[in-house]
């Protein structure tokens, strides 16, 4: 009946779907070896706390917080109820020339927990880390133009960097396979060298000692192009998707110094490191380095509803306002998304941030970090392990590649771990672990025992 919300029969949509579980072909899966997956699928049907449940009924210990996002664990009641209540109250509202209360509340909450003493004053909402990155790059370019420095059009990324899959993100990103098939990408982009120095830093605990000098490559890039042409530098404080590369001591500080010297904005991509992963609200706080823009996603809603955000340091928003006032303009930033600050995402975000606070999850993660580090480095000497990297509750376990078959050993370990009841993340021959922050010592022990067995059982 009309207005009741009850489903109505419509012959136009009376389609018979194949409900058998092996009808896998229609879904073109992202970042997946589709041919192999569909021969031997791994299907998740439910989740709670630290665990997933597979379609065969097995419990799978979540060693990766889903995809670096379920920091508070799965199916947390306060988040679930917040979303359920919100969809019944206000399911959607546009934010172009309109607003709804939760958008302003979440922006205020994020600014309140941002690093520094009132260093940040505005939040811009997107729907993913990829969109947050492209938003930050556009804000950086437009900021300089608003200040009369429209010649600043160059963007500097880093080799092995991952900044999502938008054209801006893959242009400043430095993972070859994410770039090579998509044409010329953005013009005016250059890249810093990555910071992975295994000859000097293998098996480092926390931040490695060597590599701060690599930040000085930014000076070379400035000399090559002219610093007055560079708008922004974007880096992940800890490079996650490429296999957990922890910044060398002094590296991020040196980048900040060079950016300050030349009037370049520094963007931290904290899509992974934000919301407690290192034991603090943000990596900027952990490392004591203040960027100009911070991109966020994943843990902002505990992965429950897609959302991304950009936090802007004081002065950036003001530059747009001043330019618009000067020219008599109306809209200050011609950018945004249909689902920016979606009511369900805002409800999930507010409930998530409150849960982080009430449960003391950032502090809990910091307290677990020493045990985590010991568990990681207990794998030293295990067959085929050539490097171990850790910081906070993140770990990268690098395996020696098979000759002529890079990535196969890592994928087989990933599959063996799944069979044993552990979800890991695999990038080439690197296994990554980043569990929900609700993990207890027994979970850490279980994770690394299962991972060790998996590594030892693969040739």
Protein backbone atom coordinates (compact mmCIF):
# COMPACT_ATOMS: atom_id res chain seq x y z
CA UNK A 1 0.00 0.00 0.00
CA UNK A 2 1.16 3.49 -0.83
CA UNK A 3 2.84 5.24 2.07
CA UNK A 4 3.20 2.16 4.25
CA UNK A 5 6.74 1.32 3.19
CA UNK A 6 5.62 -2.21 2.36
CA UNK A 7 6.98 -3.71 -0.86
CA UNK A 8 4.55 -3.85 -3.77
CA UNK A 9 4.40 -6.35 -6.61
CA UNK A 10 5.45 -4.99 -9.99
CA UNK A 11 5.66 -7.37 -12.96
CA UNK A 12 8.28 -5.07 -14.49
CA UNK A 13 10.70 -6.08 -11.74
CA UNK A 14 9.61 -9.70 -11.35
CA UNK A 15 13.06 -11.05 -12.19
CA UNK A 16 14.17 -14.51 -11.16
CA UNK A 17 17.67 -14.26 -9.71
CA UNK A 18 19.97 -17.24 -9.38
CA UNK A 19 20.33 -17.58 -5.63
CA UNK A 20 22.84 -20.41 -5.72
CA UNK A 21 26.07 -19.53 -3.93
CA UNK A 22 28.28 -20.42 -6.88
CA UNK A 23 26.86 -17.75 -9.20
CA UNK A 24 29.95 -15.60 -8.89
CA UNK A 25 30.51 -14.33 -12.42
CA UNK A 26 28.47 -11.10 -12.53
CA UNK A 27 30.56 -9.38 -9.83
CA UNK A 28 33.75 -7.84 -11.28
CA UNK A 29 35.70 -7.76 -8.04
CA UNK A 30 38.04 -4.85 -7.20
CA UNK A 31 41.77 -5.41 -6.68
CA UNK A 32 41.19 -9.16 -6.96
CA UNK A 33 42.63 -12.06 -8.92
CA UNK A 34 39.12 -12.79 -10.22
CA UNK A 35 40.00 -15.98 -12.10
CA UNK A 36 41.60 -17.58 -9.06
CA UNK A 37 39.02 -16.30 -6.58
CA UNK A 38 36.10 -17.72 -8.51
CA UNK A 39 37.73 -21.12 -8.59
CA UNK A 40 38.14 -21.10 -4.81
CA UNK A 41 35.98 -18.35 -3.29
CA UNK A 42 36.36 -16.93 0.19
CA UNK A 43 32.92 -15.73 1.28
CA UNK A 44 32.09 -13.80 4.44
CA UNK A 45 28.50 -13.88 5.67
CA UNK A 46 28.57 -12.14 9.07
CA UNK A 47 30.81 -10.42 11.57
CA UNK A 48 30.92 -9.62 15.27
CA UNK A 49 33.65 -8.21 17.48
CA UNK A 50 37.02 -9.58 16.39
CA UNK A 51 35.64 -12.21 14.05
CA UNK A 52 34.12 -12.86 10.67
CA UNK A 53 32.02 -15.92 9.86
CA UNK A 54 32.64 -17.64 6.54
CA UNK A 55 29.87 -19.23 4.49
CA UNK A 56 31.07 -22.67 5.58
CA UNK A 57 30.44 -21.71 9.21
CA UNK A 58 34.09 -21.24 10.19
CA UNK A 59 35.15 -18.39 12.46
CA UNK A 60 37.79 -16.15 10.88
CA UNK A 61 39.89 -13.97 13.17
CA UNK A 62 40.04 -10.52 11.60
CA UNK A 63 43.70 -9.56 11.45
CA UNK A 64 43.13 -6.53 9.25
CA UNK A 65 40.11 -4.67 10.69
CA UNK A 66 38.33 -5.51 7.47
CA UNK A 67 40.34 -3.32 5.14
CA UNK A 68 42.07 -1.15 7.76
CA UNK A 69 38.69 0.30 8.80
CA UNK A 70 36.77 -1.62 11.51
CA UNK A 71 38.89 -0.17 14.31
CA UNK A 72 36.19 -0.61 16.96
CA UNK A 73 35.44 -4.18 15.93
CA UNK A 74 32.44 -5.46 14.01
CA UNK A 75 28.71 -4.96 14.53
CA UNK A 76 29.14 -2.70 17.54
CA UNK A 77 25.69 -2.04 18.97
CA UNK A 78 25.96 1.77 19.41
CA UNK A 79 26.94 2.22 15.76
CA UNK A 80 24.34 -0.22 14.46
CA UNK A 81 21.56 1.45 16.44
CA UNK A 82 22.65 4.95 15.40
CA UNK A 83 22.43 4.02 11.74
CA UNK A 84 19.11 2.19 12.15
CA UNK A 85 17.55 5.16 13.94
CA UNK A 86 18.91 7.66 11.45
CA UNK A 87 17.63 5.88 8.34
CA UNK A 88 14.14 5.98 9.85
CA UNK A 89 14.42 9.68 10.70
CA UNK A 90 16.32 11.28 7.82
CA UNK A 91 17.52 8.88 5.16
CA UNK A 92 19.06 11.47 2.85
CA UNK A 93 19.59 15.21 2.69
CA UNK A 94 21.66 17.20 0.19
CA UNK A 95 24.38 19.52 1.43
CA UNK A 96 24.52 21.83 -1.58
CA UNK A 97 23.06 25.08 -0.17
CA UNK A 98 21.39 23.02 2.55
CA UNK A 99 22.46 21.26 5.72
CA UNK A 100 21.38 18.84 8.40
CA UNK A 101 22.39 18.83 12.10
CA UNK A 102 24.60 15.75 12.08
CA UNK A 103 26.90 17.16 9.39
CA UNK A 104 27.76 20.16 11.57
CA UNK A 105 28.06 18.01 14.68
CA UNK A 106 30.49 15.59 13.06
CA UNK A 107 32.58 18.38 11.58
CA UNK A 108 32.85 19.98 15.01
CA UNK A 109 33.73 16.67 16.63
CA UNK A 110 36.49 16.00 14.10
CA UNK A 111 37.97 19.46 14.49
CA UNK A 112 37.88 19.00 18.25
CA UNK A 113 40.05 15.88 18.04
CA UNK A 114 42.39 17.17 15.32
CA UNK A 115 46.09 17.40 16.18
CA UNK A 116 47.61 20.52 17.68
CA UNK A 117 46.12 23.29 19.75
CA UNK A 118 43.24 24.49 17.60
CA UNK A 119 45.40 24.19 14.48
CA UNK A 120 42.55 22.94 12.28
CA UNK A 121 39.23 24.67 11.83
CA UNK A 122 37.25 23.10 8.96
CA UNK A 123 36.23 19.67 7.70
CA UNK A 124 35.11 18.86 4.15
CA UNK A 125 33.21 15.60 3.62
CA UNK A 126 33.57 13.04 0.85
CA UNK A 127 32.61 9.37 0.56
CA UNK A 128 35.91 7.50 0.55
CA UNK A 129 39.65 7.89 0.93
CA UNK A 130 40.01 8.24 -2.83
CA UNK A 131 37.56 11.13 -2.88
CA UNK A 132 39.14 12.70 0.18
CA UNK A 133 42.52 12.70 -1.57
CA UNK A 134 41.19 14.21 -4.79
CA UNK A 135 39.35 16.81 -2.68
CA UNK A 136 42.53 17.70 -0.81
CA UNK A 137 44.52 18.06 -4.04
CA UNK A 138 41.86 20.37 -5.50
CA UNK A 139 41.69 22.40 -2.31
CA UNK A 140 45.47 22.81 -2.37
CA UNK A 141 45.49 24.01 -5.97
CA UNK A 142 42.56 26.37 -5.46
CA UNK A 143 44.04 27.71 -2.20
CA UNK A 144 47.16 28.97 -3.93
CA UNK A 145 45.10 30.48 -6.73
CA UNK A 146 42.90 32.25 -4.18
CA UNK A 147 46.05 33.79 -2.70
CA UNK A 148 47.30 35.04 -6.06
CA UNK A 149 49.77 32.21 -6.65
CA UNK A 150 48.00 30.43 -9.46
CA UNK A 151 51.34 29.32 -10.90
CA UNK A 152 51.55 26.73 -8.12
CA UNK A 153 50.10 23.79 -10.04
CA UNK A 154 52.59 20.99 -9.39
CA UNK A 155 51.78 18.14 -7.03
CA UNK A 156 54.45 15.95 -5.46
CA UNK A 157 53.75 12.39 -4.38
CA UNK A 158 56.06 9.53 -3.46
CA UNK A 159 57.13 6.24 -4.98
CA UNK A 160 55.17 3.31 -3.51
CA UNK A 161 52.59 5.74 -2.18
CA UNK A 162 48.91 4.85 -2.28
CA UNK A 163 46.33 7.62 -2.40
CA UNK A 164 43.25 5.87 -3.69
CA UNK A 165 42.07 5.24 -7.21
CA UNK A 166 40.84 8.60 -8.51
CA UNK A 167 42.89 10.19 -11.26
CA UNK A 168 44.40 12.62 -8.79
CA UNK A 169 45.23 9.85 -6.34
CA UNK A 170 46.86 7.52 -8.86
CA UNK A 171 48.79 10.45 -10.35
CA UNK A 172 50.46 11.35 -7.06
CA UNK A 173 50.51 7.68 -6.02
CA UNK A 174 53.54 5.59 -6.74
CA UNK A 175 52.37 1.98 -7.09
CA UNK A 176 53.16 1.00 -10.66
CA UNK A 177 50.27 -1.36 -11.37
CA UNK A 178 47.78 1.25 -10.18
CA UNK A 179 49.08 3.67 -12.82
CA UNK A 180 50.41 1.90 -15.87
CA UNK A 181 47.16 1.13 -17.73
CA UNK A 182 45.37 4.43 -17.33
CA UNK A 183 47.07 6.78 -19.76
CA UNK A 184 48.97 9.98 -19.05
CA UNK A 185 47.27 10.81 -15.73
CA UNK A 186 47.64 14.36 -14.37
CA UNK A 187 50.36 16.57 -15.78
CA UNK A 188 52.79 18.41 -13.53
CA UNK A 189 53.30 15.62 -11.01
CA UNK A 190 56.64 14.45 -9.63
CA UNK A 191 57.58 11.88 -7.00
CA UNK A 192 59.87 11.64 -4.01
CA UNK A 193 61.78 8.37 -3.59
CA UNK A 194 60.27 5.79 -1.25
CA UNK A 195 61.85 5.24 2.17
CA UNK A 196 62.33 1.47 2.05
CA UNK A 197 66.03 0.77 2.76
CA UNK A 198 66.18 -2.95 3.61
CA UNK A 199 69.97 -3.09 3.51
CA UNK A 200 70.13 -0.64 6.42
CA UNK A 201 66.78 -0.93 8.13
CA UNK A 202 65.67 -4.58 7.90
CA UNK A 203 63.91 -5.83 11.04
CA UNK A 204 63.71 -2.33 12.51
CA UNK A 205 61.43 -1.95 15.49
CA UNK A 206 59.25 1.11 15.07
CA UNK A 207 60.82 3.97 13.15
CA UNK A 208 64.04 2.97 11.38
CA UNK A 209 67.24 4.88 12.05
CA UNK A 210 68.25 5.50 8.45
CA UNK A 211 66.54 7.45 5.71
CA UNK A 212 65.74 10.96 6.92
CA UNK A 213 68.00 12.27 4.17
CA UNK A 214 65.53 11.01 1.56
CA UNK A 215 63.30 13.98 2.43
CA UNK A 216 66.00 16.23 0.99
CA UNK A 217 65.02 14.96 -2.45
CA UNK A 218 62.22 17.50 -2.17
CA UNK A 219 64.88 20.22 -2.41
CA UNK A 220 66.15 18.65 -5.63
CA UNK A 221 62.62 18.61 -7.04
CA UNK A 222 62.19 22.24 -6.02
CA UNK A 223 65.43 23.16 -7.78
CA UNK A 224 64.35 21.27 -10.90
CA UNK A 225 60.87 22.76 -11.27
CA UNK A 226 61.10 25.92 -9.18
CA UNK A 227 59.54 25.86 -5.72
CA UNK A 228 57.15 28.63 -6.74
CA UNK A 229 55.42 26.15 -9.09
CA UNK A 230 54.70 23.50 -6.43
CA UNK A 231 51.31 23.51 -4.70
CA UNK A 232 51.52 20.53 -2.37
CA UNK A 233 53.37 17.44 -1.24
CA UNK A 234 51.25 14.43 -0.26
CA UNK A 235 52.52 11.43 1.71
CA UNK A 236 51.15 8.71 3.92
CA UNK A 237 52.80 9.13 7.34
CA UNK A 238 53.01 5.33 7.34
CA UNK A 239 52.71 3.84 3.86
CA UNK A 240 50.15 1.07 4.33
CA UNK A 241 48.94 -0.47 1.10
CA UNK A 242 52.43 -0.90 -0.33
CA UNK A 243 53.40 -3.13 2.59
CA UNK A 244 53.78 -1.04 5.77
CA UNK A 245 56.71 1.34 5.33
CA UNK A 246 57.39 3.19 8.57
CA UNK A 247 58.93 6.66 8.19
CA UNK A 248 62.60 6.95 9.20
CA UNK A 249 63.32 9.07 12.25
CA UNK A 250 63.35 12.74 11.31
CA UNK A 251 61.95 12.18 7.81
CA UNK A 252 58.51 13.74 8.27
CA UNK A 253 59.99 16.62 10.27
CA UNK A 254 62.38 17.37 7.40
CA UNK A 255 59.55 17.34 4.85
CA UNK A 256 57.67 19.86 7.00
CA UNK A 257 60.73 22.11 7.17
CA UNK A 258 61.24 22.12 3.40
CA UNK A 259 57.54 22.76 2.72
CA UNK A 260 57.57 25.69 5.16
CA UNK A 261 60.70 27.10 3.53
CA UNK A 262 59.09 27.16 0.09
CA UNK A 263 55.44 27.87 0.90
CA UNK A 264 54.28 24.39 -0.12
CA UNK A 265 51.28 22.73 1.52
CA UNK A 266 51.94 19.39 3.20
CA UNK A 267 49.14 16.83 3.00
CA UNK A 268 49.07 13.77 5.23
CA UNK A 269 47.00 10.91 3.87
CA UNK A 270 45.72 9.43 7.12
CA UNK A 271 43.05 7.19 5.63
CA UNK A 272 44.80 4.24 7.31
CA UNK A 273 46.65 5.86 10.21
CA UNK A 274 43.77 7.98 11.48
CA UNK A 275 41.60 7.00 14.44
CA UNK A 276 43.92 5.14 16.76
CA UNK A 277 45.95 2.87 14.51
CA UNK A 278 49.19 4.20 16.02
CA UNK A 279 47.76 4.68 19.50
CA UNK A 280 46.79 8.33 19.01
CA UNK A 281 44.01 10.12 17.16
CA UNK A 282 46.18 10.77 14.12
CA UNK A 283 49.70 10.01 12.93
CA UNK A 284 50.37 13.75 12.88
CA UNK A 285 49.93 13.70 16.65
CA UNK A 286 52.01 10.54 17.02
CA UNK A 287 54.97 11.91 15.06
CA UNK A 288 54.61 15.50 16.24
CA UNK A 289 54.44 16.90 12.69
CA UNK A 290 51.63 19.24 11.68
CA UNK A 291 50.44 19.00 8.06
CA UNK A 292 48.23 21.58 6.35
CA UNK A 293 45.59 19.12 5.16
CA UNK A 294 44.67 15.66 6.49
CA UNK A 295 42.67 13.12 4.50
CA UNK A 296 40.52 10.66 6.43
CA UNK A 297 38.19 7.72 5.74
CA UNK A 298 37.93 4.06 6.87
CA UNK A 299 37.92 4.36 10.68
CA UNK A 300 35.85 7.55 10.59
CA UNK A 301 32.69 5.39 10.55
CA UNK A 302 34.30 2.09 11.56
CA UNK A 303 33.70 1.03 7.96
CA UNK A 304 29.95 0.85 8.58
CA UNK A 305 28.92 3.49 6.02
CA UNK A 306 31.29 4.87 3.36
CA UNK A 307 32.70 8.28 4.26
CA UNK A 308 35.81 10.39 3.76
CA UNK A 309 36.91 13.79 4.98
CA UNK A 310 39.56 16.47 4.63
CA UNK A 311 40.65 18.49 7.64
CA UNK A 312 42.00 21.94 6.79
CA UNK A 313 44.45 23.92 8.88
CA UNK A 314 43.59 27.46 9.88
CA UNK A 315 43.97 29.95 7.05
CA UNK A 316 43.05 27.62 4.19
CA UNK A 317 39.27 28.05 4.37
CA UNK A 318 39.76 31.76 5.06
CA UNK A 319 41.66 32.21 1.79
CA UNK A 320 38.60 30.99 -0.15
CA UNK A 321 36.28 33.31 1.80
CA UNK A 322 38.53 36.32 1.28
CA UNK A 323 38.82 35.69 -2.46
CA UNK A 324 35.05 35.32 -2.84
CA UNK A 325 34.48 38.53 -0.87
CA UNK A 326 37.03 40.38 -3.00
CA UNK A 327 35.42 39.44 -6.32
CA UNK A 328 31.82 39.46 -5.14
CA UNK A 329 31.46 35.71 -5.62
CA UNK A 330 28.96 33.38 -4.01
CA UNK A 331 30.10 29.75 -3.92
CA UNK A 332 33.64 29.66 -2.56
CA UNK A 333 34.63 26.11 -3.58
CA UNK A 334 33.13 24.55 -6.69
CA UNK A 335 33.52 21.00 -5.48
CA UNK A 336 31.47 18.42 -3.62
CA UNK A 337 29.56 15.15 -3.88
CA UNK A 338 25.92 14.11 -3.90
CA UNK A 339 26.58 12.11 -0.75
CA UNK A 340 28.86 14.59 1.06
CA UNK A 341 27.98 14.35 4.78
CA UNK A 342 25.31 11.72 4.12
CA UNK A 343 23.05 11.48 7.19
CA UNK A 344 23.72 7.76 7.70
CA UNK A 345 27.46 8.26 7.44
CA UNK A 346 27.33 11.16 9.89
CA UNK A 347 25.30 9.08 12.34
CA UNK A 348 27.79 6.24 12.05
CA UNK A 349 30.70 8.67 12.42
CA UNK A 350 29.38 10.31 15.57
CA UNK A 351 28.60 6.95 17.16
CA UNK A 352 32.02 5.63 16.18
CA UNK A 353 33.93 8.58 17.63
CA UNK A 354 31.94 8.31 20.85
CA UNK A 355 32.69 4.59 21.06
CA UNK A 356 36.42 5.23 20.56
CA UNK A 357 36.27 7.67 23.46
CA UNK A 358 34.10 5.64 25.82
CA UNK A 359 36.07 2.43 25.33
CA UNK A 360 39.45 4.21 25.43
CA UNK A 361 40.45 2.38 22.25
CA UNK A 362 43.30 4.67 21.26
CA UNK A 363 44.86 4.24 24.69
CA UNK A 364 44.20 0.51 24.53
CA UNK A 365 46.02 0.31 21.20
CA UNK A 366 48.99 2.20 22.63
CA UNK A 367 49.13 -0.17 25.60
CA UNK A 368 49.08 -3.23 23.31
CA UNK A 369 51.81 -1.92 21.01
CA UNK A 370 54.79 -3.37 22.95
CA UNK A 371 53.29 -6.89 22.95
CA UNK A 372 52.42 -6.45 19.27
CA UNK A 373 56.03 -5.52 18.48
CA UNK A 374 57.37 -8.58 20.28
CA UNK A 375 54.94 -10.85 18.46
CA UNK A 376 55.90 -9.37 15.10
CA UNK A 377 59.63 -9.78 15.63
CA UNK A 378 59.25 -13.31 16.98
CA UNK A 379 58.83 -14.21 13.30
CA UNK A 380 62.46 -13.34 12.61
CA UNK A 381 64.19 -16.50 11.45
CA UNK A 382 61.01 -18.14 10.16
CA UNK A 383 61.42 -19.63 6.70
CA UNK A 384 61.36 -17.04 3.87
CA UNK A 385 60.85 -14.04 6.17
CA UNK A 386 63.25 -11.34 4.94
CA UNK A 387 61.96 -8.29 6.82
CA UNK A 388 59.59 -7.29 9.61
CA UNK A 389 58.20 -3.80 10.17
CA UNK A 390 55.90 -2.49 12.88
CA UNK A 391 54.48 0.61 14.46
CA UNK A 392 51.43 1.00 16.67
CA UNK A 393 49.09 -1.87 15.80
CA UNK A 394 50.35 -2.31 12.24
CA UNK A 395 52.81 -4.88 10.93
CA UNK A 396 54.37 -5.78 7.61
CA UNK A 397 55.84 -9.27 7.15
CA UNK A 398 57.91 -9.42 3.99
CA UNK A 399 58.66 -12.76 2.35
CA UNK A 400 61.33 -13.61 -0.18
CA UNK A 401 59.70 -13.79 -3.63
CA UNK A 402 59.89 -16.93 -5.69
CA UNK A 403 62.20 -16.63 -8.64
CA UNK A 404 60.15 -15.67 -11.68
CA UNK A 405 56.88 -15.65 -9.73
CA UNK A 406 56.70 -12.55 -7.52
CA UNK A 407 53.61 -12.40 -5.35
CA UNK A 408 52.71 -16.08 -5.53
CA UNK A 409 54.29 -17.03 -2.20
CA UNK A 410 52.52 -14.16 -0.46
CA UNK A 411 49.17 -15.10 -1.99
CA UNK A 412 49.59 -18.73 -0.95
CA UNK A 413 50.35 -17.71 2.63
CA UNK A 414 47.30 -15.43 2.60
CA UNK A 415 45.17 -18.37 1.40
CA UNK A 416 46.68 -20.80 3.89
CA UNK A 417 46.02 -18.34 6.72
CA UNK A 418 42.38 -18.02 5.60
CA UNK A 419 42.05 -21.78 5.65
CA UNK A 420 43.37 -21.78 9.21
CA UNK A 421 40.95 -19.06 10.31
CA UNK A 422 42.95 -15.82 9.98
CA UNK A 423 42.32 -12.89 7.65
CA UNK A 424 45.46 -11.06 6.57
CA UNK A 425 46.15 -8.47 3.87
CA UNK A 426 48.53 -9.38 1.05
CA UNK A 427 50.42 -7.03 -1.26
CA UNK A 428 52.79 -8.93 -3.49
CA UNK A 429 54.94 -10.94 -1.09
CA UNK A 430 54.17 -8.76 1.92
CA UNK A 431 51.55 -9.75 4.51
CA UNK A 432 50.05 -6.91 6.52
CA UNK A 433 48.26 -7.08 9.85
CA UNK A 434 46.21 -4.27 11.41
CA UNK A 435 43.61 -5.74 13.77
CA UNK A 436 40.61 -4.01 15.32
CA UNK A 437 41.72 -1.92 18.28
CA UNK A 438 39.56 -4.03 20.60
CA UNK A 439 42.10 -6.87 20.26
CA UNK A 440 43.28 -8.52 23.46
CA UNK A 441 46.65 -10.21 24.08
CA UNK A 442 45.16 -13.63 23.34
CA UNK A 443 44.08 -12.43 19.90
CA UNK A 444 47.60 -11.25 19.15
CA UNK A 445 49.04 -14.61 20.21
CA UNK A 446 46.51 -16.45 18.06
CA UNK A 447 47.13 -14.25 15.02
CA UNK A 448 50.86 -14.71 14.98
CA UNK A 449 50.69 -18.41 15.73
CA UNK A 450 48.38 -18.95 12.76
CA UNK A 451 50.49 -16.72 10.55
CA UNK A 452 53.69 -18.49 11.53
CA UNK A 453 52.18 -21.89 10.74
CA UNK A 454 50.93 -20.57 7.40
CA UNK A 455 54.34 -19.23 6.41
CA UNK A 456 56.12 -22.42 7.43
CA UNK A 457 53.72 -24.59 5.44
CA UNK A 458 54.29 -22.73 2.16
CA UNK A 459 57.43 -23.49 0.16
